[in-house]
């Protein structure tokens, strides 16, 4: 939980700094960003499943 709060605070701070400097935000559009995160998670889960399946 501590890492999640720290990540949220860091992202908020970076967003404020980039907006203050009138720079584009260093983040993908919302839907592609969420799809990428979900894809990374599912890929990790699939890897764990495959290694467990082959390890038997």
C-alpha atoms as a PDB file:
ATOM      1  CA  UNK A   1       0.000   0.000   0.000  1.00  0.00           C
ATOM      2  CA  UNK A   2       2.883   2.356   0.770  1.00  0.00           C
ATOM      3  CA  UNK A   3       4.306   1.876  -2.748  1.00  0.00           C
ATOM      4  CA  UNK A   4       0.912   2.635  -4.310  1.00  0.00           C
ATOM      5  CA  UNK A   5       0.536   5.895  -2.383  1.00  0.00           C
ATOM      6  CA  UNK A   6       4.131   6.855  -3.249  1.00  0.00           C
ATOM      7  CA  UNK A   7       3.533   6.112  -6.959  1.00  0.00           C
ATOM      8  CA  UNK A   8       0.327   8.167  -6.930  1.00  0.00           C
ATOM      9  CA  UNK A   9       2.061  11.093  -5.216  1.00  0.00           C
ATOM     10  CA  UNK A  10       5.006  10.941  -7.622  1.00  0.00           C
ATOM     11  CA  UNK A  11       2.696  10.865 -10.646  1.00  0.00           C
ATOM     12  CA  UNK A  12       0.732  13.804  -9.266  1.00  0.00           C
ATOM     13  CA  UNK A  13       3.926  15.775  -8.733  1.00  0.00           C
ATOM     14  CA  UNK A  14       5.213  15.011 -12.250  1.00  0.00           C
ATOM     15  CA  UNK A  15       1.841  16.010 -13.729  1.00  0.00           C
ATOM     16  CA  UNK A  16       1.941  19.317 -11.872  1.00  0.00           C
ATOM     17  CA  UNK A  17       5.513  20.057 -12.984  1.00  0.00           C
ATOM     18  CA  UNK A  18       4.812  19.201 -16.630  1.00  0.00           C
ATOM     19  CA  UNK A  19       1.624  21.285 -16.629  1.00  0.00           C
ATOM     20  CA  UNK A  20       3.438  24.227 -15.001  1.00  0.00           C
ATOM     21  CA  UNK A  21       6.129  24.068 -17.682  1.00  0.00           C
ATOM     22  CA  UNK A  22       3.405  23.746 -20.369  1.00  0.00           C
ATOM     23  CA  UNK A  23       4.821  20.459 -21.634  1.00  0.00           C
ATOM     24  CA  UNK A  24       2.731  17.549 -22.917  1.00  0.00           C
ATOM     25  CA  UNK A  25       2.035  14.971 -20.234  1.00  0.00           C
ATOM     26  CA  UNK A  26       4.380  11.940 -20.447  1.00  0.00           C
ATOM     27  CA  UNK A  27       1.523   9.449 -20.426  1.00  0.00           C
ATOM     28  CA  UNK A  28      -0.414   7.573 -23.104  1.00  0.00           C
ATOM     29  CA  UNK A  29      -4.076   8.207 -23.759  1.00  0.00           C
ATOM     30  CA  UNK A  30      -6.261   6.690 -21.062  1.00  0.00           C
ATOM     31  CA  UNK A  31      -7.610   3.621 -22.864  1.00  0.00           C
ATOM     32  CA  UNK A  32      -4.347   2.526 -24.542  1.00  0.00           C
ATOM     33  CA  UNK A  33      -2.507   3.074 -21.253  1.00  0.00           C
ATOM     34  CA  UNK A  34      -4.962   0.929 -19.312  1.00  0.00           C
ATOM     35  CA  UNK A  35      -4.909  -1.724 -22.048  1.00  0.00           C
ATOM     36  CA  UNK A  36      -1.112  -1.811 -21.866  1.00  0.00           C
ATOM     37  CA  UNK A  37      -1.129  -2.257 -18.092  1.00  0.00           C
ATOM     38  CA  UNK A  38      -3.743  -5.019 -18.306  1.00  0.00           C
ATOM     39  CA  UNK A  39      -1.713  -6.698 -21.071  1.00  0.00           C
ATOM     40  CA  UNK A  40       1.442  -6.634 -18.951  1.00  0.00           C
ATOM     41  CA  UNK A  41      -0.427  -8.145 -16.008  1.00  0.00           C
ATOM     42  CA  UNK A  42      -2.061 -10.853 -18.124  1.00  0.00           C
ATOM     43  CA  UNK A  43       1.257 -11.690 -19.774  1.00  0.00           C
ATOM     44  CA  UNK A  44       2.843 -12.162 -16.360  1.00  0.00           C
ATOM     45  CA  UNK A  45      -0.012 -14.357 -15.208  1.00  0.00           C
ATOM     46  CA  UNK A  46       0.167 -16.427 -18.399  1.00  0.00           C
ATOM     47  CA  UNK A  47       3.904 -16.937 -17.900  1.00  0.00           C
ATOM     48  CA  UNK A  48       3.325 -18.134 -14.325  1.00  0.00           C
ATOM     49  CA  UNK A  49       0.598 -20.524 -15.558  1.00  0.00           C
ATOM     50  CA  UNK A  50       2.777 -21.938 -18.355  1.00  0.00           C
ATOM     51  CA  UNK A  51       5.800 -22.469 -16.093  1.00  0.00           C
ATOM     52  CA  UNK A  52       3.589 -24.146 -13.510  1.00  0.00           C
ATOM     53  CA  UNK A  53       2.043 -26.348 -16.191  1.00  0.00           C
ATOM     54  CA  UNK A  54       5.421 -27.356 -17.658  1.00  0.00           C
ATOM     55  CA  UNK A  55       6.962 -27.862 -14.248  1.00  0.00           C
ATOM     56  CA  UNK A  56       4.652 -30.763 -13.367  1.00  0.00           C
END
